[in-house]
Protein backbone atom coordinates (compact mmCIF):
# COMPACT_ATOMS: atom_id res chain seq x y z
CA MET A 1 -10.62 15.83 28.66
CA ILE A 2 -7.47 14.31 27.17
CA ASP A 3 -6.00 12.05 28.97
CA ASN A 4 -3.14 10.96 26.63
CA GLY A 5 -1.02 12.18 23.80
CA TRP A 6 -2.92 10.05 21.33
CA PRO A 7 -5.02 13.22 20.04
CA ILE A 8 -2.26 15.28 19.89
CA PHE A 9 -0.36 13.29 17.49
CA GLY A 10 -3.29 12.38 15.50
CA PHE A 11 -4.07 16.46 15.31
CA LEU A 12 0.07 16.60 13.92
CA VAL A 13 -0.53 13.44 11.26
CA ALA A 14 -3.99 15.11 9.78
CA THR A 15 -2.37 18.83 9.72
CA ALA A 16 0.69 17.85 7.85
CA ALA A 17 -1.84 15.35 5.72
CA LEU A 18 -4.07 18.30 5.15
CA ALA A 19 -0.91 20.35 4.37
CA ILE A 20 0.40 17.75 1.65
CA LEU A 21 -3.33 17.99 -0.24
CA SER A 22 -3.09 21.67 -0.22
CA LYS A 23 0.11 21.54 -2.29
CA ARG A 24 -1.06 18.39 -4.09
CA VAL A 25 -4.13 19.82 -5.48
CA ASN A 26 -2.64 23.69 -5.73
CA VAL A 27 -5.69 24.69 -2.93
CA ALA A 28 -5.59 27.79 -0.32
CA TYR A 29 -4.85 25.68 3.20
CA PRO A 30 -7.50 27.07 4.90
CA ILE A 31 -10.07 25.47 2.19
CA VAL A 32 -8.79 22.34 2.70
CA PHE A 33 -9.19 22.39 6.46
CA VAL A 34 -12.99 23.58 6.10
CA VAL A 35 -13.71 20.64 4.18
CA ALA A 36 -11.36 18.27 6.34
CA GLY A 37 -13.66 19.70 9.52
CA ALA A 38 -17.34 19.49 8.14
CA LEU A 39 -16.03 15.36 6.67
CA LEU A 40 -15.06 14.87 10.56
CA GLY A 41 -18.33 15.89 11.75
CA PHE A 42 -19.70 12.62 9.90
CA ILE A 43 -17.25 9.79 11.04
CA PRO A 44 -18.59 8.07 13.79
CA ASN A 45 -17.15 7.27 16.98
CA LEU A 46 -14.60 10.16 17.59
CA PRO A 47 -13.46 11.28 20.83
CA ASN A 48 -15.04 13.57 22.37
CA ILE A 49 -12.75 16.76 23.09
CA GLN A 50 -13.84 19.34 25.21
CA LEU A 51 -12.16 22.62 26.01
CA GLN A 52 -13.72 25.96 27.92
CA PRO A 53 -15.02 28.14 25.66
CA ASP A 54 -12.65 30.84 26.60
CA THR A 55 -9.71 28.60 26.01
CA VAL A 56 -10.60 28.83 22.53
CA PHE A 57 -10.21 32.36 22.56
CA LEU A 58 -7.10 32.63 24.74
CA ILE A 59 -5.42 29.98 22.91
CA VAL A 60 -6.08 31.44 18.94
CA LEU A 61 -6.51 34.98 18.62
CA PRO A 62 -3.55 36.86 20.36
CA ILE A 63 -1.15 35.32 18.03
CA ILE A 64 -3.50 35.16 14.89
CA LEU A 65 -3.89 39.05 15.66
CA PHE A 66 -0.62 39.29 16.68
CA SER A 67 0.57 38.01 13.48
CA GLY A 68 -1.68 39.80 11.62
CA GLY A 69 -0.53 43.07 12.71
CA TRP A 70 2.82 42.50 12.82
CA SER A 71 2.88 41.39 8.84
CA THR A 72 1.05 45.08 7.89
CA ASP A 73 2.20 47.54 5.98
CA TRP A 74 1.82 50.94 8.26
CA TYR A 75 2.23 52.99 5.31
CA GLU A 76 0.38 51.25 2.58
CA PHE A 77 -2.66 50.92 5.25
CA LYS A 78 -2.29 54.52 6.17
CA ARG A 79 -2.98 55.26 2.42
CA ASN A 80 -5.99 53.26 2.27
CA LEU A 81 -7.52 53.99 5.79
CA ARG A 82 -10.49 55.73 4.30
CA PRO A 83 -11.68 52.37 1.95
CA ILE A 84 -10.18 50.02 4.99
CA GLY A 85 -12.29 51.67 7.29
CA LEU A 86 -15.32 51.31 5.03
CA ALA A 87 -15.09 47.80 4.94
CA ALA A 88 -14.20 47.08 8.55
CA ILE A 89 -16.34 49.13 10.69
CA GLY A 90 -19.04 50.24 8.43
CA LEU A 91 -19.26 46.91 6.61
CA VAL A 92 -19.19 45.27 9.85
CA VAL A 93 -21.92 47.15 11.73
CA PHE A 94 -23.85 47.01 8.72
CA THR A 95 -23.39 42.94 8.19
CA THR A 96 -23.80 42.39 12.18
CA VAL A 97 -27.26 44.53 11.98
CA MET A 98 -28.78 43.19 8.83
CA VAL A 99 -27.30 39.50 9.51
CA ALA A 100 -28.91 39.69 13.31
CA GLY A 101 -32.52 40.63 11.71
CA ILE A 102 -32.51 37.92 9.17
CA ALA A 103 -31.44 35.75 11.48
CA HIS A 104 -34.26 36.45 13.98
CA ALA A 105 -36.64 36.43 11.51
CA VAL A 106 -35.82 32.93 9.79
CA ILE A 107 -34.64 30.90 12.89
CA THR A 108 -37.12 29.71 15.02
CA GLY A 109 -37.24 30.74 18.45
CA MET A 110 -33.33 32.38 18.29
CA SER A 111 -33.73 35.41 20.78
CA TRP A 112 -32.34 39.03 19.38
CA PRO A 113 -29.02 38.85 21.33
CA ALA A 114 -28.13 35.61 19.93
CA ALA A 115 -28.78 36.80 16.29
CA PHE A 116 -26.52 39.90 17.09
CA VAL A 117 -24.04 37.60 18.50
CA LEU A 118 -24.58 34.93 14.73
CA GLY A 119 -24.07 38.96 13.36
CA ALA A 120 -21.07 39.90 15.09
CA ILE A 121 -19.00 36.60 14.39
CA VAL A 122 -19.82 35.94 10.57
CA ALA A 123 -19.45 39.89 9.84
CA PRO A 124 -15.47 39.80 10.27
CA THR A 125 -13.68 38.47 7.38
CA ASP A 126 -10.66 36.14 7.04
CA ALA A 127 -7.68 37.70 4.31
CA ILE A 128 -5.27 34.52 4.57
CA ALA A 129 -6.90 32.42 1.82
CA ALA A 130 -7.56 35.89 -0.43
CA GLU A 131 -3.65 36.36 0.12
CA VAL A 132 -2.36 32.52 -0.69
CA ILE A 133 -5.11 32.54 -3.72
CA ALA A 134 -3.37 36.31 -4.83
CA ASP A 135 -0.37 34.89 -4.20
CA SER A 136 -0.06 32.73 -6.91
CA ILE A 137 -2.19 35.10 -9.59
CA SER A 138 -0.76 38.28 -8.88
CA LEU A 139 -3.68 40.80 -7.92
CA PRO A 140 -3.04 44.65 -7.87
CA ARG A 141 -1.13 46.00 -4.52
CA ARG A 142 -3.88 48.34 -3.56
CA ILE A 143 -6.81 45.77 -3.57
CA MET A 144 -4.30 43.27 -1.01
CA THR A 145 -3.75 45.98 1.40
CA ILE A 146 -7.37 46.66 1.66
CA VAL A 147 -7.92 43.11 1.60
CA SER A 148 -5.65 42.70 4.26
CA GLY A 149 -6.09 45.98 5.87
CA GLU A 150 -10.26 45.38 6.07
CA SER A 151 -9.58 41.80 7.68
CA LEU A 152 -7.29 42.94 10.59
CA VAL A 153 -9.82 46.12 11.46
CA ASN A 154 -12.69 44.00 10.96
CA ASP A 155 -11.96 41.72 13.39
CA ALA A 156 -11.22 44.13 16.18
CA SER A 157 -14.31 45.84 15.45
CA ALA A 158 -16.06 42.56 15.13
CA LEU A 159 -15.11 41.46 17.91
CA ILE A 160 -16.20 44.08 20.02
CA VAL A 161 -19.13 43.92 18.87
CA TYR A 162 -19.65 40.39 19.55
CA ARG A 163 -18.42 41.39 23.13
CA PHE A 164 -21.14 43.42 24.03
CA ALA A 165 -23.87 41.08 21.79
CA ILE A 166 -22.60 38.17 24.52
CA GLY A 167 -23.12 40.39 27.45
CA THR A 168 -26.30 41.20 26.33
CA ALA A 169 -27.27 37.28 25.66
CA LEU A 170 -26.20 36.30 29.19
CA THR A 171 -27.76 39.09 31.14
CA GLY A 172 -30.46 40.01 29.10
CA THR A 173 -30.09 43.66 29.37
CA PHE A 174 -29.16 46.53 26.71
CA LEU A 175 -28.56 49.74 27.45
CA ALA A 176 -28.01 51.61 24.29
CA SER A 177 -26.73 54.84 25.45
CA HIS A 178 -24.43 53.06 27.15
CA VAL A 179 -22.62 51.03 24.24
CA VAL A 180 -21.48 54.12 21.59
CA PRO A 181 -19.51 55.39 25.20
CA GLN A 182 -18.00 52.25 25.78
CA PHE A 183 -17.06 51.13 22.43
CA PHE A 184 -15.01 53.86 22.09
CA LEU A 185 -13.73 53.18 26.04
CA VAL A 186 -13.20 49.91 25.34
CA SER A 187 -11.11 50.73 21.66
CA LEU A 188 -9.06 53.21 22.88
CA GLY A 189 -8.26 51.50 26.13
CA GLY A 190 -6.97 48.13 23.88
CA VAL A 191 -4.90 50.72 21.93
CA ALA A 192 -3.35 52.07 24.39
CA ILE A 193 -2.31 48.84 25.94
CA GLY A 194 -1.25 47.80 23.05
CA LEU A 195 1.43 50.62 22.56
CA LEU A 196 2.43 50.44 26.23
CA VAL A 197 3.15 46.96 26.37
CA GLY A 198 5.17 47.10 22.90
CA VAL A 199 7.22 49.93 24.13
CA VAL A 200 7.79 47.82 27.71
CA LEU A 201 9.17 44.87 25.92
CA GLY A 202 11.08 47.23 23.23
CA TRP A 203 12.84 48.86 25.60
CA ALA A 204 13.25 45.09 27.46
CA ASN A 205 15.03 43.84 24.12
CA GLN A 206 17.30 46.70 23.54
CA HIS A 207 18.21 46.32 27.44
CA ILE A 208 18.94 42.45 26.87
CA ARG A 209 21.48 43.52 23.88
CA ALA A 210 22.88 46.42 25.53
CA ARG A 211 24.31 43.55 27.77
CA ASN A 212 24.84 41.20 25.21
CA LEU A 213 22.55 39.16 26.23
CA ASP A 214 20.27 38.29 23.42
CA ASP A 215 20.61 35.51 20.67
CA GLU A 216 17.70 34.29 18.25
CA VAL A 217 15.83 31.81 20.36
CA LEU A 218 15.39 34.57 23.27
CA GLU A 219 13.84 37.37 21.15
CA ASN A 220 11.52 34.63 19.77
CA VAL A 221 10.66 33.98 23.46
CA ILE A 222 9.77 37.19 23.75
CA ASN A 223 7.68 37.76 20.89
CA LEU A 224 6.16 34.67 21.10
CA PHE A 225 4.22 35.72 24.12
CA ALA A 226 4.09 39.49 23.32
CA PRO A 227 0.79 38.49 22.15
CA PHE A 228 -0.08 37.80 25.51
CA ALA A 229 1.61 40.24 27.10
CA CYS A 230 -0.72 42.53 25.24
CA TYR A 231 -4.18 40.41 25.44
CA LEU A 232 -4.55 39.35 28.64
CA PRO A 233 -4.03 42.51 30.85
CA ALA A 234 -6.59 44.68 28.42
CA GLU A 235 -9.04 41.88 29.12
CA ALA A 236 -8.38 42.26 32.96
CA LEU A 237 -9.03 45.50 32.62
CA GLY A 238 -11.69 45.56 30.77
CA VAL A 239 -10.76 46.89 27.69
CA SER A 240 -10.30 45.06 24.37
CA GLY A 241 -7.71 42.34 24.11
CA VAL A 242 -8.05 41.86 20.31
CA LEU A 243 -7.23 45.97 19.61
CA ALA A 244 -4.18 45.55 22.08
CA ALA A 245 -2.86 42.26 20.36
CA VAL A 246 -3.37 43.90 17.14
CA THR A 247 -1.98 47.52 18.04
CA GLY A 248 1.44 45.58 19.24
CA GLY A 249 1.83 43.23 17.02
CA ILE A 250 2.11 46.32 14.33
CA PHE A 251 4.22 48.35 17.16
CA MET A 252 6.36 45.42 17.48
CA GLY A 253 6.11 44.75 13.34
CA ARG A 254 7.49 48.56 12.47
CA ARG A 255 10.72 48.03 14.88
CA SER A 256 11.56 44.43 13.71
CA GLY A 257 14.74 46.11 11.96
CA ARG A 258 15.93 46.15 15.37
CA MET A 259 15.88 42.26 15.67
CA SER A 260 19.06 40.41 14.81
CA PRO A 261 19.22 39.01 11.52
CA ASP A 262 19.59 35.47 12.55
CA ALA A 263 16.12 36.65 15.10
CA ARG A 264 14.56 37.94 11.74
CA LEU A 265 15.07 34.66 10.34
CA VAL A 266 14.28 32.60 12.62
CA GLY A 267 10.67 34.77 13.25
CA TYR A 268 9.17 34.76 10.06
CA SER A 269 9.22 31.09 10.33
CA VAL A 270 7.87 30.66 13.42
CA TRP A 271 4.92 33.14 13.00
CA GLU A 272 4.00 31.29 9.57
CA MET A 273 4.07 28.11 11.48
CA MET A 274 1.97 29.08 14.83
CA THR A 275 -0.28 30.64 12.33
CA TYR A 276 -1.25 27.11 9.70
CA LEU A 277 -1.19 25.48 13.66
CA LEU A 278 -3.91 27.25 14.62
CA ASN A 279 -6.14 27.37 12.02
CA ALA A 280 -5.67 23.38 11.58
CA PHE A 281 -6.28 23.33 15.07
CA VAL A 282 -9.61 25.18 15.47
CA PHE A 283 -10.93 24.06 11.64
CA LEU A 284 -10.30 20.12 13.32
CA LEU A 285 -12.02 21.61 16.78
CA LEU A 286 -15.03 22.39 15.09
CA GLY A 287 -15.20 19.36 13.06
CA LEU A 288 -15.54 17.32 17.15
CA GLN A 289 -18.08 20.13 17.59
CA LEU A 290 -20.29 19.32 14.26
CA HIS A 291 -19.87 15.84 15.15
CA ARG A 292 -21.89 16.01 18.39
CA ILE A 293 -24.19 18.55 17.34
CA ILE A 294 -24.77 16.44 14.42
CA THR A 295 -25.23 13.12 17.00
CA THR A 296 -27.83 15.15 18.92
CA LEU A 297 -29.82 16.16 15.80
CA GLY A 298 -32.45 14.08 14.41
CA HIS A 299 -32.64 14.14 10.61
CA GLU A 300 -35.58 16.90 9.92
CA SER A 301 -33.85 19.18 12.67
CA PHE A 302 -30.53 18.78 10.49
CA GLU A 303 -32.05 19.59 7.10
CA ARG A 304 -33.80 22.61 9.01
CA LEU A 305 -30.43 24.00 10.71
CA MET A 306 -28.78 23.32 6.99
CA LEU A 307 -31.66 25.52 5.30
CA TYR A 308 -30.95 28.32 8.16
CA GLY A 309 -27.20 28.15 7.05
CA VAL A 310 -27.87 28.20 3.54
CA ALA A 311 -29.94 31.64 4.18
CA ILE A 312 -27.54 33.12 6.40
CA SER A 313 -24.80 32.32 3.63
CA ILE A 314 -26.28 34.05 0.82
CA ALA A 315 -27.47 36.45 3.08
CA VAL A 316 -23.31 37.74 3.82
CA ILE A 317 -22.24 37.07 0.59
CA VAL A 318 -25.14 39.43 -0.94
CA LEU A 319 -24.67 42.15 2.03
CA ARG A 320 -21.09 42.36 1.09
CA PHE A 321 -21.62 43.22 -2.84
CA ILE A 322 -24.20 45.40 -1.68
CA TRP A 323 -22.03 47.69 0.88
CA ILE A 324 -18.79 47.04 -1.13
CA PHE A 325 -19.83 48.81 -4.62
CA PRO A 326 -21.68 51.97 -2.85
CA ALA A 327 -18.72 52.48 -0.94
CA THR A 328 -15.96 52.02 -3.55
CA TYR A 329 -18.16 54.86 -5.97
CA VAL A 330 -20.61 57.21 -3.70
CA PRO A 331 -17.29 58.87 -1.71
CA ARG A 332 -16.37 60.30 -4.81
CA LEU A 333 -19.10 61.20 -6.30
CA VAL A 334 -19.74 63.47 -3.14
CA SER A 335 -16.20 64.57 -2.88
CA LYS A 336 -14.18 66.53 -5.98
CA SER A 337 -11.07 66.48 -4.16
CA LEU A 338 -11.53 62.54 -3.61
CA ARG A 339 -12.04 62.37 -7.34
CA GLU A 340 -8.94 64.38 -8.09
CA ARG A 341 -7.28 63.03 -5.84
CA ASP A 342 -8.22 58.87 -6.32
CA PRO A 343 -9.97 58.77 -8.99
CA SER A 344 -12.73 55.47 -9.19
CA PRO A 345 -11.43 52.35 -10.04
CA PRO A 346 -12.71 49.77 -12.65
CA TRP A 347 -15.76 48.13 -12.05
CA THR A 348 -13.81 44.95 -11.85
CA TRP A 349 -11.79 45.95 -8.72
CA PRO A 350 -14.61 46.14 -6.16
CA VAL A 351 -16.13 42.97 -7.82
CA ILE A 352 -13.03 40.99 -6.30
CA LEU A 353 -13.20 43.19 -3.04
CA SER A 354 -16.65 41.51 -2.75
CA TRP A 355 -15.74 38.03 -4.05
CA ALA A 356 -12.76 38.37 -1.60
CA GLY A 357 -15.08 38.17 1.53
CA MET A 358 -13.84 35.30 3.20
CA ARG A 359 -15.06 33.90 6.45
CA GLY A 360 -12.54 31.92 8.85
CA VAL A 361 -10.62 31.08 11.04
CA VAL A 362 -11.62 34.09 13.71
CA SER A 363 -15.33 33.50 12.77
CA LEU A 364 -14.74 30.21 13.57
CA ALA A 365 -12.96 30.93 17.25
CA ALA A 366 -16.15 33.10 18.35
CA ALA A 367 -18.21 31.08 17.27
CA LEU A 368 -16.57 28.10 19.64
CA ALA A 369 -16.27 30.61 22.54
CA VAL A 370 -19.91 31.15 22.41
CA PRO A 371 -20.94 30.31 26.34
CA VAL A 372 -22.22 27.29 26.61
CA SER A 373 -24.98 28.86 28.98
CA ILE A 374 -26.56 30.50 25.97
CA ALA A 375 -29.36 28.73 24.42
CA ASP A 376 -28.86 28.80 20.60
CA ARG A 377 -25.02 27.87 20.82
CA ASP A 378 -25.09 24.86 18.96
CA ALA A 379 -27.39 26.77 15.88
CA ILE A 380 -24.68 29.61 16.07
CA ILE A 381 -21.77 27.10 15.21
CA PHE A 382 -23.56 25.05 12.37
CA VAL A 383 -24.54 28.47 10.75
CA THR A 384 -20.94 30.03 11.38
CA PHE A 385 -19.57 27.21 9.96
CA CYS A 386 -21.99 27.08 6.83
CA VAL A 387 -21.22 30.94 6.30
CA ILE A 388 -17.41 30.26 6.64
CA PHE A 389 -17.95 26.58 4.26
CA ALA A 390 -19.71 28.77 1.57
CA THR A 391 -17.87 31.88 1.73
CA LEU A 392 -14.05 29.65 1.81
CA VAL A 393 -14.63 26.86 -0.29
CA LEU A 394 -17.69 28.34 -3.24
CA MET A 395 -15.80 32.07 -3.34
CA GLY A 396 -12.62 30.62 -2.28
CA LEU A 397 -12.35 28.20 -5.34
CA THR A 398 -13.83 30.41 -7.77
CA LEU A 399 -12.02 33.60 -6.94
CA PRO A 400 -9.11 33.09 -9.45
CA PHE A 401 -11.52 32.50 -12.12
CA VAL A 402 -13.26 35.45 -11.45
CA ILE A 403 -9.63 37.44 -11.35
CA ARG A 404 -8.57 35.58 -14.70
CA ILE A 405 -12.15 36.50 -16.69
CA LEU A 406 -12.16 39.97 -15.48
CA HIS A 407 -8.12 40.49 -16.44
CA VAL A 408 -7.25 41.72 -13.03
CA SER A 409 -3.71 41.83 -12.70
CA ASP A 410 -0.74 43.95 -11.14
CA ASP A 411 1.30 45.80 -13.33
CA GLY A 412 4.64 44.52 -11.81
CA ARG A 413 5.28 47.88 -10.29
CA MET A 414 5.62 46.20 -6.93
CA GLU A 415 8.16 43.74 -8.04
CA LYS A 416 10.29 45.82 -10.14
CA GLN A 417 10.26 48.83 -7.01
CA GLU A 418 11.52 45.76 -5.11
CA VAL A 419 14.69 45.33 -7.55
CA GLU A 420 15.51 48.82 -7.52
CA ILE A 421 15.23 49.27 -3.85
CA ARG A 422 18.11 46.21 -3.59
CA ILE A 423 19.76 47.81 -6.24
CA LYS A 424 19.82 51.49 -4.49
CA ALA A 425 21.15 49.35 -0.78
CA LEU A 426 23.88 47.55 -2.64
CA GLU A 427 25.21 50.67 -4.10
CA ALA A 428 24.96 52.86 -0.32
CA GLY A 429 27.31 49.64 0.50
CA MET A 430 29.72 49.92 -2.36
CA SER A 431 30.09 54.02 -1.18
CA ARG A 432 30.32 52.60 2.04
CA LEU A 433 33.55 50.74 1.34
CA ARG A 434 34.60 53.94 -0.52
CA GLU A 435 34.52 56.00 1.95
CA LEU A 436 36.40 53.77 3.71
CA GLU A 437 39.21 53.66 2.05
CA PRO A 438 41.36 56.36 3.20
CA THR A 439 41.14 54.10 6.19
CA PHE A 440 43.11 51.42 4.77
CA ASP A 441 46.35 51.03 5.76
CA THR A 442 47.38 47.16 4.61
CA GLU A 443 47.00 45.70 1.30
CA THR A 444 44.94 42.90 2.98
CA GLU A 445 42.66 45.76 3.35
CA TRP A 446 42.49 46.79 -0.50
CA GLU A 447 42.45 43.06 -1.33
CA VAL A 448 38.84 42.61 0.68
CA GLU A 449 37.60 45.50 -0.18
CA GLY A 450 37.63 44.57 -3.38
CA ARG A 451 36.67 41.13 -3.49
CA ILE A 452 33.14 42.61 -2.13
CA VAL A 453 33.00 45.30 -4.76
CA ASP A 454 33.36 42.78 -7.17
CA GLU A 455 30.86 40.52 -5.75
CA TYR A 456 28.34 43.55 -5.54
CA GLN A 457 28.51 44.55 -8.73
CA HIS A 458 28.11 41.62 -9.86
CA ARG A 459 24.69 41.17 -7.73
CA ILE A 460 24.14 44.56 -9.27
CA GLN A 461 24.19 43.52 -13.00
CA HIS A 462 22.39 40.30 -11.58
CA LEU A 463 19.42 42.32 -10.48
CA GLN A 464 19.57 44.40 -13.53
CA GLY A 465 18.77 41.58 -15.39
CA HIS A 466 15.43 41.56 -13.34
CA LEU A 467 14.17 44.79 -14.86
CA GLU A 468 14.90 43.84 -18.67
CA LEU A 469 12.73 40.92 -19.31
CA GLY A 470 12.10 39.04 -21.79
CA PRO A 471 8.87 38.59 -24.49
CA ASP A 472 7.48 35.83 -22.16
CA GLY A 473 7.83 38.41 -19.02
CA GLU A 474 10.93 36.02 -17.94
CA PRO A 475 14.22 37.50 -17.07
CA VAL A 476 17.11 37.60 -19.73
CA THR A 477 18.47 34.51 -20.40
CA GLU A 478 21.97 35.46 -18.84
CA ASN A 479 19.96 35.20 -15.71
CA ALA A 480 18.21 32.44 -16.01
CA VAL A 481 21.55 30.63 -16.93
CA ASP A 482 22.78 32.33 -13.72
CA HIS A 483 20.46 30.80 -11.78
CA ARG A 484 20.50 27.77 -13.11
CA LEU A 485 24.21 26.97 -12.45
CA GLN A 486 24.55 28.69 -9.56
CA ASN A 487 21.66 26.06 -8.14
CA ALA A 488 23.36 23.38 -9.55
CA ALA A 489 26.72 24.14 -7.53
CA LEU A 490 24.32 24.83 -4.30
CA GLN A 491 23.29 21.23 -5.08
CA ALA A 492 26.35 19.76 -5.59
CA GLU A 493 27.89 21.70 -2.16
CA ARG A 494 24.85 20.04 -0.56
CA GLY A 495 25.42 16.85 -2.02
CA THR A 496 29.12 16.45 -1.04
CA ILE A 497 28.63 17.72 3.06
CA GLN A 498 25.51 15.03 3.06
CA ALA A 499 28.14 12.36 1.83
CA MET A 500 30.90 13.40 4.02
CA ARG A 501 28.15 12.94 7.19
CA ARG A 502 27.21 9.77 6.27
CA SER A 503 30.54 8.64 6.13
CA GLY A 504 31.22 9.80 9.77
CA LYS A 505 33.81 12.52 7.89
CA ILE A 506 32.12 15.66 9.48
CA PRO A 507 30.47 16.17 13.28
CA ASP A 508 26.76 17.01 12.71
CA ASP A 509 27.42 20.37 14.20
CA VAL A 510 29.82 21.62 11.56
CA TYR A 511 27.31 19.69 8.55
CA ARG A 512 24.53 22.49 10.21
CA ALA A 513 26.77 25.31 10.28
CA ILE A 514 27.82 24.58 6.54
CA GLU A 515 23.71 23.49 5.92
CA TYR A 516 22.69 26.80 7.43
CA ASP A 517 24.90 28.69 4.94
CA LEU A 518 23.89 27.05 1.70
CA ASP A 519 20.09 27.29 3.23
CA LEU A 520 20.76 30.81 3.06
CA ALA A 521 22.30 31.35 -0.23
CA ASP A 522 19.51 29.05 -1.75
CA ALA A 523 16.84 31.75 -0.27
CA ARG A 524 18.68 34.43 -1.85
CA LEU A 525 18.59 32.41 -4.94
CA ARG A 526 15.05 32.04 -5.25
CA GLN A 527 14.38 35.64 -4.13
CA GLY A 528 16.62 37.21 -6.40
């Protein structure tokens, strides 16, 4: 047990150091975390930090899954429901069954229930690493929609299968005739709980705002306990807490426009930080578990576990390729209407989708949550780590090279659409001001409107410059100059208030208010 604050301090220092290393070597942070976890397993004299398996699930899953649901583009998700469903449900079942068969045959003494637990653990993918890599390379939006949508749904489907496998491993009984009805009952119940909690919390937020009691802190406190408000009641009722958290995240994310602007600005940073810290927590906790496993193994046993890990890792990678290609082309061969509505993508797309099947924090949390009473727990944790290491490090590090070799890239339509939408929103603002002109009674109103319209017209002109790219793909020269000069002005403003603060000429509350405005201006400059 933790009896002082040093482990927490060490965790935060390690997380900061790994974050710096990730930026320094330009590698997605989950890859850095998994390598650090592996190295941690071989460091002697590490503290023995023990957490109850259920505690790991409770700390990690609700926030990770709710956050994934929150950031899901629902309309893009629905447009790509067929490929997402085939990968998130069909591939999960296929991978679970095949890995279970291979594990039972290869790993000495592993029972069928434990093999199915392992199969369910390594079946779901993790989109975080793929998304971080894709952000720097600009993959087609549809590929990223399928990757992130698959990850969101297959976490739920795999963990429901995992739940049944754990129950079988603990009780030793399995009734196939009950599994399918229970699967749907557990799934639908989880969705219902997630929607109900989303509606109740939405009503609570609206009630608070109607009485002017809201602020950015309170709104985000409500959003932070929302994952647990979805997950815990669902688990208590015997339905899927995983699907409840995902559904609640999607529902409340679609209604984030009802939050105050300050709450949204704070909220995005809070969710990003929580996801980052939870990834670090799970991978470093795994390193401590690996250390315990390695120190209790003899040399021969360790080598044997390594071979098991390599075999299952190869199986997981190959099985994804085996599924993705037929799932991409066979439906179109069978259905003429599908071919006409959604023509077959180039062969390079299924290659990228197959290569992006990295495993991550959800698989790791599930492995650490395996009950101690299951005899093959250490083997399951070790093999799961091997699969995560192989898919994250080997596939993750090579994914950018594969993308470049295959010449797969975004056509820039989404960036152009974003600029066009920004322009449309500004034009709507100007139109609204024109509509208000008949109500103006004072010269001040006309002067203020003129200044606002001038600013909007300048921003529209600036954005139109982004639609006119030069030969190098960068905005036209005037826009580049605009960015450079505005940045210089902002830096001068920032330097002035910092100097005044150091000399004691302005109080801290005034300094922070001005700094907040400059931060917003800087963020808008970088985005536009």
